[in-house]
């Protein structure tokens, strides 16, 4: 929940007090809603002339000239974009849902896009509309045989369940027509942060199935942490029919990794390799994950490891909330929204590239770009091995652009730091810096095997000269790189976003807001001692928007 969302909640709460909190209210959305056919050909024919689709096309056309609008990262066609929701694979296509505020009704709806390859996204009409809930908050989907189930939080009511079974998931029906896990007891309504007199708190939800029983988590906090401080909590529920849910207990066991103040919003719980992963968002410290083992007999998640997808504050310009789904091959596909680095700019919300998460060994999470990213590659340039003399910035005159993919192999040799700079203006007035530090951190001096970790920093503090651009402390993450491996970087530059994948083992991403038309250069620099650029490939990237 970002600051705008909190202010909206406070305003709506004041309205509820003014009108009487127990008075039923009509929350019917003012956004046009349509019922679609049940076969694919008929649906496609209906979509061609659908007024919402025409609206989306016109708005995307109008936005195309915005110099900060991404070319190959997904963004909403007409509304503020917030959390991604319900990523799933259904009948040969990937479906992405996300929170959006339509212009004709500024409340969260579930918006919808579909893709054949996880890269080229096509807009579809809004999927889930508020009413009887006041807004549609975050949740997840589960592909259950011949239908897809959505489990999400409905503001003022509780957690909701809805189902769809048509080819493009255009028609949704809410189970029971109202909340299935209510925010009340004995007819009394309680705020989602207050558990009284309930033994749990209800908020963002996920769903899975074990045997013939459905399970759902409600991500929130437990106020029984150290010194009464709130701690991450995931409250477990189960059901046989999606309509009646039973509270079981707190799900996470042995979590000593997340600090006081973290909550477990936007949970996604899936198998990965022979273990399980819980991906979530903390309003304090952003997107993270817990690795562990699913005790299916006692319905507990025994946690043994932890990691982050964001390495600094939630705001500004950071990776934020996740959506995730199994890839069918032992991995998990995850996508995140990124919040703005210029307040109020139309490019404020976008999605990261999808990532494929896999487990290597017992606790090593690997990350690679997912989907057919190579299909976007256009003009290509290649550089062979090149010496990087100590303390000299080497500008690559033939490599430049603001929608590029760079693949670079860099051997630091004895240099304590090597940097790869992108979106560099002619005299480095604007520059985005990727700094590489080899073998700078010991995993543990008390626990074998002792390994030296490298450190990578993605720094946007000099990315923009704009007065209203908001930089963030440099994103800094450790990564295990074996002694015989150079740094292998895959850098995705897309106007207002930079994502860096490091040796398939780590990923950093930030928003950037270059203001100069010449902020397109690339350079390298070795600090202290010589280093070597072993090779570099650069591709100009095509737009995913027609």
Protein backbone atom coordinates (compact mmCIF):
# COMPACT_ATOMS: atom_id res chain seq x y z
CA UNK A 1 0.00 0.00 0.00
CA UNK A 2 1.71 3.23 -1.12
CA UNK A 3 1.22 6.69 0.38
CA UNK A 4 -1.54 7.62 -2.08
CA UNK A 5 -3.35 4.42 -1.21
CA UNK A 6 -3.08 5.17 2.53
CA UNK A 7 -4.53 8.66 2.04
CA UNK A 8 -7.36 7.20 -0.03
CA UNK A 9 -8.09 4.66 2.70
CA UNK A 10 -8.20 7.39 5.36
CA UNK A 11 -10.58 9.48 3.26
CA UNK A 12 -12.87 6.51 2.62
CA UNK A 13 -12.79 5.62 6.31
CA UNK A 14 -13.98 9.13 7.14
CA UNK A 15 -16.85 8.68 4.70
CA UNK A 16 -17.77 5.41 6.36
CA UNK A 17 -17.95 7.15 9.73
CA UNK A 18 -20.05 9.96 8.28
CA UNK A 19 -22.53 7.58 6.69
CA UNK A 20 -22.49 4.93 9.39
CA UNK A 21 -20.02 2.03 9.12
CA UNK A 22 -22.75 -0.61 9.28
CA UNK A 23 -24.91 0.91 6.55
CA UNK A 24 -24.73 -1.14 3.32
CA UNK A 25 -23.44 0.97 0.45
CA UNK A 26 -23.61 0.54 -3.29
CA UNK A 27 -20.06 0.30 -4.64
CA UNK A 28 -21.00 -0.44 -8.24
CA UNK A 29 -18.16 0.69 -10.48
CA UNK A 30 -18.68 3.46 -13.00
CA UNK A 31 -16.34 1.71 -15.44
CA UNK A 32 -18.25 0.06 -18.32
CA UNK A 33 -18.53 -3.68 -17.78
CA UNK A 34 -19.23 -6.29 -20.44
CA UNK A 35 -20.16 -9.97 -20.60
CA UNK A 36 -18.24 -11.94 -23.19
CA UNK A 37 -18.88 -15.12 -25.13
CA UNK A 38 -17.58 -18.49 -23.97
CA UNK A 39 -15.51 -19.45 -27.04
CA UNK A 40 -12.26 -17.87 -28.17
CA UNK A 41 -13.23 -16.83 -31.70
CA UNK A 42 -16.34 -15.05 -30.48
CA UNK A 43 -14.37 -13.34 -27.70
CA UNK A 44 -11.77 -12.05 -30.14
CA UNK A 45 -14.51 -10.70 -32.40
CA UNK A 46 -16.14 -8.91 -29.46
CA UNK A 47 -12.83 -7.39 -28.37
CA UNK A 48 -12.24 -5.74 -31.74
CA UNK A 49 -15.11 -3.31 -31.24
CA UNK A 50 -15.12 -3.17 -27.44
CA UNK A 51 -15.24 0.44 -26.16
CA UNK A 52 -12.67 -0.24 -23.41
CA UNK A 53 -10.25 -1.73 -25.91
CA UNK A 54 -10.70 1.32 -28.14
CA UNK A 55 -10.01 3.54 -25.13
CA UNK A 56 -6.82 1.63 -24.35
CA UNK A 57 -5.58 1.82 -27.94
CA UNK A 58 -6.14 5.58 -28.13
CA UNK A 59 -4.40 6.17 -24.82
CA UNK A 60 -1.36 4.06 -25.75
CA UNK A 61 -1.10 5.99 -29.01
CA UNK A 62 -1.19 9.27 -27.09
CA UNK A 63 1.49 8.10 -24.66
CA UNK A 64 3.89 6.87 -27.33
CA UNK A 65 5.75 10.19 -27.56
CA UNK A 66 6.56 10.35 -23.84
CA UNK A 67 10.39 10.09 -23.64
CA UNK A 68 10.22 8.34 -20.25
CA UNK A 69 7.57 5.83 -21.27
CA UNK A 70 9.15 2.34 -21.46
CA UNK A 71 9.31 0.56 -24.80
CA UNK A 72 9.41 -3.07 -23.61
CA UNK A 73 8.33 -3.00 -19.96
CA UNK A 74 4.60 -3.30 -19.34
CA UNK A 75 2.69 -0.27 -18.09
CA UNK A 76 -1.02 0.46 -17.71
CA UNK A 77 -2.67 2.05 -20.76
CA UNK A 78 -4.84 4.58 -18.92
CA UNK A 79 -4.63 4.30 -15.16
CA UNK A 80 -2.28 4.41 -12.23
CA UNK A 81 -0.68 0.97 -11.90
CA UNK A 82 -0.01 -0.59 -8.53
CA UNK A 83 0.51 -4.20 -7.39
CA UNK A 84 0.65 -7.02 -9.95
CA UNK A 85 -1.86 -9.74 -9.13
CA UNK A 86 -2.76 -13.26 -10.13
CA UNK A 87 -0.05 -14.11 -12.63
CA UNK A 88 -0.99 -17.50 -14.13
CA UNK A 89 -0.70 -19.74 -17.21
CA UNK A 90 -4.08 -20.69 -18.67
CA UNK A 91 -4.82 -22.48 -21.94
CA UNK A 92 -1.46 -21.70 -23.50
CA UNK A 93 -1.28 -18.04 -22.47
CA UNK A 94 0.14 -16.02 -19.58
CA UNK A 95 -2.30 -13.77 -17.76
CA UNK A 96 -1.27 -10.79 -15.68
CA UNK A 97 -3.72 -8.93 -13.47
CA UNK A 98 -2.84 -5.73 -11.67
CA UNK A 99 -4.39 -3.00 -9.58
CA UNK A 100 -5.43 0.03 -11.61
CA UNK A 101 -7.42 3.20 -10.95
CA UNK A 102 -9.58 3.76 -14.06
CA UNK A 103 -10.20 7.41 -14.97
CA UNK A 104 -13.98 7.05 -14.62
CA UNK A 105 -13.79 5.46 -11.14
CA UNK A 106 -10.69 6.12 -9.05
CA UNK A 107 -10.81 2.95 -6.99
CA UNK A 108 -8.68 -0.15 -7.34
CA UNK A 109 -9.98 -2.61 -9.94
CA UNK A 110 -8.19 -5.69 -11.25
CA UNK A 111 -6.91 -4.76 -14.70
CA UNK A 112 -5.82 -7.48 -17.12
CA UNK A 113 -3.26 -8.26 -19.83
CA UNK A 114 -2.40 -11.45 -21.72
CA UNK A 115 0.77 -12.72 -23.40
CA UNK A 116 1.95 -15.65 -25.47
CA UNK A 117 5.58 -15.24 -24.44
CA UNK A 118 5.68 -13.21 -21.16
CA UNK A 119 7.13 -10.27 -23.09
CA UNK A 120 4.56 -9.01 -25.59
CA UNK A 121 1.49 -8.06 -23.55
CA UNK A 122 -1.96 -7.32 -24.95
CA UNK A 123 -4.47 -5.26 -22.97
CA UNK A 124 -7.78 -6.85 -22.05
CA UNK A 125 -10.80 -5.24 -20.35
CA UNK A 126 -10.86 -4.82 -16.59
CA UNK A 127 -11.39 -8.23 -15.03
CA UNK A 128 -12.66 -7.86 -11.45
CA UNK A 129 -14.72 -4.83 -10.42
CA UNK A 130 -15.46 -3.62 -6.88
CA UNK A 131 -18.92 -4.25 -5.36
CA UNK A 132 -19.94 -5.38 -2.83
CA UNK A 133 -16.35 -4.67 -1.68
CA UNK A 134 -15.31 -1.03 -1.75
CA UNK A 135 -12.05 -1.74 -3.65
CA UNK A 136 -10.24 -4.76 -5.09
CA UNK A 137 -6.90 -5.09 -3.35
CA UNK A 138 -4.13 -7.60 -4.02
CA UNK A 139 -4.37 -11.34 -4.38
CA UNK A 140 -3.36 -14.39 -6.38
CA UNK A 141 -4.84 -16.97 -8.74
CA UNK A 142 -4.83 -20.75 -8.83
CA UNK A 143 -5.46 -22.84 -11.95
CA UNK A 144 -7.88 -25.52 -10.75
CA UNK A 145 -8.60 -27.96 -13.56
CA UNK A 146 -11.14 -26.32 -15.86
CA UNK A 147 -11.28 -22.99 -14.04
CA UNK A 148 -9.12 -20.28 -12.52
CA UNK A 149 -9.72 -19.11 -8.94
CA UNK A 150 -8.81 -15.61 -7.77
CA UNK A 151 -8.37 -14.95 -4.05
CA UNK A 152 -7.95 -11.30 -3.08
CA UNK A 153 -8.74 -8.71 -0.42
CA UNK A 154 -11.96 -6.75 -0.75
CA UNK A 155 -11.74 -3.53 1.17
CA UNK A 156 -14.35 -3.10 3.94
CA UNK A 157 -15.51 -6.73 3.64
CA UNK A 158 -12.60 -9.19 3.85
CA UNK A 159 -11.07 -11.70 1.50
CA UNK A 160 -12.95 -12.55 -1.67
CA UNK A 161 -12.96 -15.54 -4.03
CA UNK A 162 -13.91 -15.34 -7.69
CA UNK A 163 -13.78 -17.83 -10.57
CA UNK A 164 -13.48 -17.74 -14.34
CA UNK A 165 -13.33 -20.49 -16.94
CA UNK A 166 -13.58 -18.83 -20.38
CA UNK A 167 -10.64 -18.86 -22.84
CA UNK A 168 -9.36 -15.34 -22.10
CA UNK A 169 -10.56 -15.10 -18.48
CA UNK A 170 -12.84 -12.19 -19.33
CA UNK A 171 -15.88 -13.17 -17.24
CA UNK A 172 -15.54 -13.47 -13.45
CA UNK A 173 -18.10 -14.55 -10.88
CA UNK A 174 -17.65 -13.91 -7.17
CA UNK A 175 -18.16 -16.96 -4.96
CA UNK A 176 -21.24 -16.38 -2.75
CA UNK A 177 -21.46 -12.84 -4.12
CA UNK A 178 -19.74 -11.44 -1.05
CA UNK A 179 -16.74 -12.01 1.21
CA UNK A 180 -15.79 -15.58 2.06
CA UNK A 181 -13.41 -14.65 4.92
CA UNK A 182 -15.04 -11.64 6.56
CA UNK A 183 -13.52 -8.75 8.41
CA UNK A 184 -16.05 -9.12 11.18
CA UNK A 185 -17.37 -11.32 13.95
CA UNK A 186 -20.79 -11.31 15.60
CA UNK A 187 -21.93 -8.67 13.13
CA UNK A 188 -19.21 -6.20 14.10
CA UNK A 189 -16.78 -4.81 11.55
CA UNK A 190 -13.07 -4.35 12.28
CA UNK A 191 -10.22 -2.68 10.43
CA UNK A 192 -7.81 -5.08 8.70
CA UNK A 193 -4.97 -4.08 11.05
CA UNK A 194 -7.05 -4.91 14.13
CA UNK A 195 -7.52 -8.57 15.01
CA UNK A 196 -9.97 -7.97 17.85
CA UNK A 197 -11.86 -10.12 18.55
CA UNK A 198 -10.54 -12.33 15.72
CA UNK A 199 -7.40 -14.50 16.18
CA UNK A 200 -6.12 -13.37 12.76
CA UNK A 201 -5.89 -10.35 10.47
CA UNK A 202 -7.25 -10.36 6.95
CA UNK A 203 -5.41 -8.75 4.08
CA UNK A 204 -3.77 -9.69 0.74
CA UNK A 205 -4.34 -13.36 -0.08
CA UNK A 206 -2.89 -16.27 -2.01
CA UNK A 207 -4.36 -19.71 -2.73
CA UNK A 208 -3.24 -23.27 -3.45
CA UNK A 209 -4.70 -26.77 -3.20
CA UNK A 210 -3.61 -29.89 -1.35
CA UNK A 211 -5.67 -32.96 -2.17
CA UNK A 212 -9.30 -31.86 -2.19
CA UNK A 213 -8.73 -28.93 0.18
CA UNK A 214 -8.02 -25.31 -0.73
CA UNK A 215 -5.60 -23.29 1.36
CA UNK A 216 -5.19 -19.54 1.55
CA UNK A 217 -2.80 -17.20 3.31
CA UNK A 218 -3.72 -13.76 4.52
CA UNK A 219 -0.57 -11.66 4.75
CA UNK A 220 -0.38 -9.26 7.65
CA UNK A 221 1.39 -8.70 10.97
CA UNK A 222 1.45 -10.22 14.43
CA UNK A 223 1.77 -7.74 17.31
CA UNK A 224 3.23 -10.36 19.63
CA UNK A 225 6.79 -9.88 18.42
CA UNK A 226 9.76 -8.80 20.55
CA UNK A 227 8.73 -6.06 22.99
CA UNK A 228 5.28 -6.07 21.46
CA UNK A 229 6.56 -4.96 18.07
CA UNK A 230 4.78 -6.14 14.91
CA UNK A 231 6.32 -9.07 13.04
CA UNK A 232 5.56 -10.66 9.70
CA UNK A 233 2.61 -13.05 9.88
CA UNK A 234 0.80 -15.22 7.36
CA UNK A 235 -2.55 -16.52 8.64
CA UNK A 236 -3.61 -19.86 7.15
CA UNK A 237 -7.18 -20.77 6.18
CA UNK A 238 -8.64 -23.87 4.50
CA UNK A 239 -11.83 -24.74 2.67
CA UNK A 240 -13.44 -27.58 0.75
CA UNK A 241 -15.74 -25.43 -1.39
CA UNK A 242 -14.25 -21.89 -1.54
CA UNK A 243 -17.35 -20.55 0.24
CA UNK A 244 -16.74 -21.60 3.86
CA UNK A 245 -13.24 -21.10 5.26
CA UNK A 246 -11.76 -22.28 8.52
CA UNK A 247 -8.89 -20.48 10.26
CA UNK A 248 -6.04 -22.92 10.98
CA UNK A 249 -3.07 -21.05 12.53
CA UNK A 250 -0.09 -18.88 11.70
CA UNK A 251 1.69 -20.55 8.84
CA UNK A 252 5.36 -19.46 9.04
CA UNK A 253 7.55 -21.33 11.52
CA UNK A 254 11.12 -20.39 12.48
CA UNK A 255 11.32 -17.01 10.80
CA UNK A 256 14.29 -15.23 12.37
CA UNK A 257 15.17 -13.33 9.21
CA UNK A 258 12.71 -10.46 8.81
CA UNK A 259 13.04 -7.52 11.21
CA UNK A 260 10.33 -6.05 13.45
CA UNK A 261 7.97 -3.86 11.46
CA UNK A 262 7.91 -6.05 8.36
CA UNK A 263 4.54 -7.37 7.21
CA UNK A 264 3.71 -10.17 4.80
CA UNK A 265 1.57 -8.44 2.17
CA UNK A 266 1.05 -9.86 -1.35
CA UNK A 267 2.03 -13.45 -0.38
CA UNK A 268 2.75 -16.13 -2.99
CA UNK A 269 3.52 -19.63 -1.74
CA UNK A 270 4.75 -22.12 -4.36
CA UNK A 271 7.02 -25.15 -4.71
CA UNK A 272 10.49 -24.44 -6.10
CA UNK A 273 12.76 -27.39 -6.78
CA UNK A 274 12.21 -29.81 -3.91
CA UNK A 275 11.43 -27.00 -1.45
CA UNK A 276 8.98 -24.10 -1.17
CA UNK A 277 9.26 -20.33 -1.48
CA UNK A 278 7.13 -17.61 0.07
CA UNK A 279 7.45 -14.37 -1.88
CA UNK A 280 5.94 -11.29 -0.24
CA UNK A 281 5.99 -7.51 0.06
CA UNK A 282 6.76 -5.55 3.22
CA UNK A 283 5.51 -1.97 3.41
CA UNK A 284 8.68 -1.29 5.43
CA UNK A 285 11.38 -2.99 3.36
CA UNK A 286 9.75 -4.04 0.07
CA UNK A 287 9.88 -7.35 -1.85
CA UNK A 288 11.50 -10.37 -0.20
CA UNK A 289 11.34 -14.15 -0.02
CA UNK A 290 11.59 -16.94 2.52
CA UNK A 291 12.85 -20.41 1.56
CA UNK A 292 11.97 -23.51 3.49
CA UNK A 293 10.10 -26.80 3.67
CA UNK A 294 6.35 -27.31 3.62
CA UNK A 295 5.28 -29.59 6.48
CA UNK A 296 2.12 -30.87 4.81
CA UNK A 297 1.13 -32.98 7.83
CA UNK A 298 1.02 -30.02 10.21
CA UNK A 299 0.43 -27.35 7.56
CA UNK A 300 3.46 -25.32 8.58
CA UNK A 301 6.19 -23.61 6.56
CA UNK A 302 9.57 -24.22 8.20
CA UNK A 303 11.87 -21.41 7.08
CA UNK A 304 15.63 -21.85 6.65
CA UNK A 305 16.71 -18.95 4.40
CA UNK A 306 15.78 -15.46 3.33
CA UNK A 307 16.57 -13.03 0.53
CA UNK A 308 15.51 -9.73 -1.02
CA UNK A 309 14.43 -8.43 -4.40
CA UNK A 310 14.81 -4.79 -3.28
CA UNK A 311 17.92 -3.61 -1.42
CA UNK A 312 16.86 -0.30 0.04
CA UNK A 313 13.79 1.70 0.98
CA UNK A 314 10.42 1.05 -0.62
CA UNK A 315 10.32 4.53 -2.16
CA UNK A 316 11.24 6.02 -4.56
CA UNK A 317 11.97 4.19 -7.82
CA UNK A 318 12.21 0.68 -6.39
CA UNK A 319 11.04 -2.85 -7.01
CA UNK A 320 7.84 -3.22 -5.04
CA UNK A 321 5.13 -5.90 -4.87
CA UNK A 322 5.34 -9.37 -6.50
CA UNK A 323 3.11 -11.70 -8.43
CA UNK A 324 4.31 -15.24 -9.01
CA UNK A 325 3.28 -18.60 -10.46
CA UNK A 326 4.97 -21.99 -11.05
CA UNK A 327 6.53 -22.45 -14.49
CA UNK A 328 5.74 -26.18 -14.64
CA UNK A 329 9.44 -27.11 -14.65
CA UNK A 330 10.35 -26.71 -11.00
CA UNK A 331 10.86 -22.97 -11.16
CA UNK A 332 8.71 -19.93 -10.41
CA UNK A 333 7.94 -16.99 -12.69
CA UNK A 334 7.82 -13.70 -10.79
CA UNK A 335 7.06 -10.15 -11.87
CA UNK A 336 7.14 -6.98 -9.77
CA UNK A 337 5.79 -3.48 -10.07
CA UNK A 338 8.21 -0.57 -9.78
CA UNK A 339 7.13 2.66 -8.18
CA UNK A 340 7.89 6.11 -9.62
CA UNK A 341 10.96 8.29 -9.27
CA UNK A 342 9.10 11.44 -10.27
CA UNK A 343 5.98 12.07 -8.25
CA UNK A 344 2.83 12.28 -10.34
CA UNK A 345 4.47 11.50 -13.69
CA UNK A 346 2.34 9.49 -16.09
CA UNK A 347 5.05 6.82 -16.26
CA UNK A 348 4.77 6.31 -12.51
CA UNK A 349 3.91 2.61 -12.48
CA UNK A 350 5.39 -0.19 -14.56
CA UNK A 351 6.29 -3.87 -14.31
CA UNK A 352 9.76 -5.36 -14.22
CA UNK A 353 10.71 -7.92 -16.79
CA UNK A 354 9.45 -11.33 -15.66
CA UNK A 355 12.08 -13.40 -13.86
CA UNK A 356 12.50 -17.14 -13.67
CA UNK A 357 13.47 -18.14 -10.15
CA UNK A 358 15.12 -21.54 -9.65
CA UNK A 359 16.70 -23.28 -6.72
CA UNK A 360 20.31 -24.44 -7.09
CA UNK A 361 21.48 -26.52 -4.18
CA UNK A 362 19.51 -26.13 -0.96
CA UNK A 363 19.32 -22.36 -0.46
CA UNK A 364 20.74 -20.62 -3.55
CA UNK A 365 18.09 -18.77 -5.55
CA UNK A 366 19.00 -18.08 -9.15
CA UNK A 367 17.30 -15.40 -11.26
CA UNK A 368 17.21 -15.05 -15.03
CA UNK A 369 15.00 -13.05 -17.40
CA UNK A 370 11.94 -15.12 -18.32
CA UNK A 371 10.07 -15.21 -21.60
CA UNK A 372 11.16 -14.54 -25.16
CA UNK A 373 13.22 -11.43 -24.45
CA UNK A 374 15.49 -12.28 -27.41
CA UNK A 375 12.58 -11.58 -29.79
CA UNK A 376 12.99 -7.87 -29.01
CA UNK A 377 16.59 -7.70 -30.18
CA UNK A 378 17.27 -5.46 -33.16
CA UNK A 379 20.54 -3.96 -34.43
CA UNK A 380 23.52 -5.74 -32.87
CA UNK A 381 27.09 -4.67 -32.10
CA UNK A 382 29.91 -6.75 -30.66
CA UNK A 383 33.18 -5.80 -28.94
CA UNK A 384 36.04 -8.25 -28.47
CA UNK A 385 38.41 -8.30 -25.49
CA UNK A 386 39.58 -4.86 -24.41
CA UNK A 387 42.03 -3.69 -21.74
CA UNK A 388 40.59 -1.32 -19.18
CA UNK A 389 43.58 0.77 -18.02
CA UNK A 390 43.55 1.76 -14.37
CA UNK A 391 41.76 4.99 -13.46
CA UNK A 392 40.67 5.87 -17.00
CA UNK A 393 37.06 6.08 -18.13
CA UNK A 394 36.71 4.33 -21.48
CA UNK A 395 33.72 5.62 -23.45
CA UNK A 396 32.43 3.17 -26.06
CA UNK A 397 31.69 5.50 -29.00
CA UNK A 398 29.70 3.00 -31.06
CA UNK A 399 27.55 1.65 -28.21
CA UNK A 400 24.74 3.96 -27.23
CA UNK A 401 20.96 4.01 -26.73
CA UNK A 402 18.23 4.23 -24.14
CA UNK A 403 16.39 1.04 -25.13
CA UNK A 404 19.13 -1.58 -25.15
CA UNK A 405 20.24 -4.93 -23.85
CA UNK A 406 23.93 -5.24 -22.94
CA UNK A 407 25.68 -8.55 -22.32
CA UNK A 408 29.11 -7.91 -20.82
CA UNK A 409 31.80 -10.24 -19.46
CA UNK A 410 34.19 -8.34 -17.20
CA UNK A 411 37.27 -9.71 -15.46
CA UNK A 412 38.30 -7.30 -12.67
CA UNK A 413 41.70 -8.97 -12.33
CA UNK A 414 43.34 -6.99 -9.51
CA UNK A 415 41.10 -3.93 -9.71
CA UNK A 416 39.20 -3.37 -6.45
CA UNK A 417 36.28 -1.88 -8.40
CA UNK A 418 35.12 -1.84 -12.02
CA UNK A 419 32.16 0.17 -13.18
CA UNK A 420 29.91 -0.07 -16.22
CA UNK A 421 28.06 3.18 -16.83
CA UNK A 422 24.91 3.52 -18.91
CA UNK A 423 22.57 6.36 -19.90
CA UNK A 424 25.66 8.60 -19.80
CA UNK A 425 25.44 12.12 -21.23
CA UNK A 426 28.36 13.53 -23.21
CA UNK A 427 30.19 14.95 -20.20
CA UNK A 428 28.67 12.64 -17.60
CA UNK A 429 26.23 15.29 -16.34
CA UNK A 430 23.76 12.39 -16.16
CA UNK A 431 24.94 8.84 -15.60
CA UNK A 432 23.67 5.55 -14.15
CA UNK A 433 26.44 3.55 -12.56
CA UNK A 434 26.86 -0.21 -12.12
CA UNK A 435 29.82 -0.90 -9.80
CA UNK A 436 31.41 -4.33 -9.36
CA UNK A 437 33.43 -5.30 -6.27
CA UNK A 438 35.06 -8.73 -6.38
CA UNK A 439 35.31 -10.89 -3.23
CA UNK A 440 34.36 -8.21 -0.72
CA UNK A 441 32.24 -10.10 1.80
CA UNK A 442 32.69 -13.37 3.71
CA UNK A 443 29.54 -15.49 4.00
CA UNK A 444 30.28 -16.41 7.62
CA UNK A 445 33.44 -16.80 9.65
CA UNK A 446 31.63 -19.15 12.03
CA UNK A 447 29.90 -21.54 9.62
CA UNK A 448 31.48 -23.65 6.86
CA UNK A 449 31.88 -23.42 4.01
CA UNK A 450 33.37 -19.97 4.21
CA UNK A 451 32.93 -18.27 0.84
CA UNK A 452 33.76 -14.83 -0.42
CA UNK A 453 30.89 -12.92 -1.95
CA UNK A 454 31.15 -10.22 -4.56
CA UNK A 455 29.11 -7.04 -4.28
CA UNK A 456 27.26 -5.20 -7.05
CA UNK A 457 25.82 -1.69 -6.80
CA UNK A 458 23.27 -0.04 -9.09
CA UNK A 459 23.41 3.71 -8.51
CA UNK A 460 20.85 6.21 -9.87
CA UNK A 461 21.92 9.17 -7.73
CA UNK A 462 23.27 10.99 -10.81
CA UNK A 463 20.80 9.65 -13.34
CA UNK A 464 18.80 12.85 -13.74
CA UNK A 465 19.20 16.63 -13.62
CA UNK A 466 15.46 17.16 -13.23
CA UNK A 467 14.52 19.18 -10.15
CA UNK A 468 11.70 16.79 -9.23
CA UNK A 469 13.57 13.54 -9.91
CA UNK A 470 13.94 11.47 -6.76
CA UNK A 471 17.08 9.37 -6.46
CA UNK A 472 17.50 6.61 -3.89
CA UNK A 473 20.46 5.21 -1.99
CA UNK A 474 22.38 2.88 -4.34
CA UNK A 475 20.94 -0.62 -4.55
CA UNK A 476 23.71 -2.89 -3.20
CA UNK A 477 23.57 -6.68 -3.16
CA UNK A 478 25.99 -9.53 -2.61
CA UNK A 479 26.38 -12.39 -5.06
CA UNK A 480 28.43 -15.60 -5.03
CA UNK A 481 30.64 -15.76 -8.13
CA UNK A 482 33.02 -18.74 -8.36
CA UNK A 483 36.74 -17.89 -8.72
CA UNK A 484 36.88 -19.03 -12.37
CA UNK A 485 33.92 -16.89 -13.48
CA UNK A 486 34.11 -13.27 -14.63
CA UNK A 487 31.25 -10.90 -13.91
CA UNK A 488 28.58 -11.67 -16.49
CA UNK A 489 26.05 -8.86 -16.71
CA UNK A 490 22.79 -8.69 -18.62
CA UNK A 491 21.72 -5.06 -18.48
CA UNK A 492 18.28 -4.02 -19.69
CA UNK A 493 17.91 -0.29 -20.34
CA UNK A 494 14.42 0.97 -21.12
CA UNK A 495 14.21 4.77 -20.91
CA UNK A 496 13.09 5.09 -17.28
CA UNK A 497 14.16 1.72 -15.88
CA UNK A 498 17.44 -0.22 -15.63
CA UNK A 499 17.58 -3.89 -14.64
CA UNK A 500 20.84 -5.78 -14.11
CA UNK A 501 21.10 -9.58 -13.90
CA UNK A 502 24.44 -10.74 -12.47
CA UNK A 503 25.74 -14.21 -13.37
CA UNK A 504 22.21 -15.60 -13.17
CA UNK A 505 22.42 -15.34 -9.38
CA UNK A 506 21.18 -11.86 -8.53
CA UNK A 507 19.16 -8.99 -9.97
CA UNK A 508 19.05 -5.26 -9.25
CA UNK A 509 16.56 -2.78 -10.68
CA UNK A 510 15.89 0.96 -10.30
CA UNK A 511 13.86 3.69 -11.96
CA UNK A 512 15.79 6.46 -13.70
CA UNK A 513 14.60 9.75 -15.21
CA UNK A 514 17.25 11.10 -17.65
CA UNK A 515 16.42 14.60 -18.87
CA UNK A 516 19.02 15.06 -21.60
CA UNK A 517 18.64 13.73 -25.13
CA UNK A 518 22.33 12.75 -25.16
CA UNK A 519 22.04 10.55 -22.03
CA UNK A 520 22.52 7.40 -24.09
CA UNK A 521 26.25 6.63 -23.73
CA UNK A 522 28.07 3.62 -22.28
CA UNK A 523 31.47 3.64 -20.58
CA UNK A 524 33.73 1.46 -18.39
CA UNK A 525 36.29 2.28 -15.74
CA UNK A 526 38.70 0.20 -13.64
CA UNK A 527 39.75 1.64 -10.31
CA UNK A 528 43.34 1.34 -9.04
CA UNK A 529 44.53 -1.47 -11.33
CA UNK A 530 43.92 -2.68 -14.87
CA UNK A 531 40.90 -4.86 -15.63
CA UNK A 532 39.64 -6.55 -18.80
CA UNK A 533 36.44 -6.38 -20.76
CA UNK A 534 36.36 -9.88 -22.20
CA UNK A 535 33.43 -9.19 -24.53
CA UNK A 536 30.38 -7.01 -24.90
CA UNK A 537 27.27 -7.43 -27.03
CA UNK A 538 24.68 -4.70 -27.43
CA UNK A 539 21.25 -4.89 -29.01
CA UNK A 540 18.84 -2.09 -29.71
CA UNK A 541 15.49 -3.28 -28.35
CA UNK A 542 12.14 -3.10 -30.13
CA UNK A 543 8.93 -1.86 -28.57
CA UNK A 544 6.26 -4.32 -27.44
CA UNK A 545 3.59 -1.74 -28.28
CA UNK A 546 2.32 -1.41 -31.82
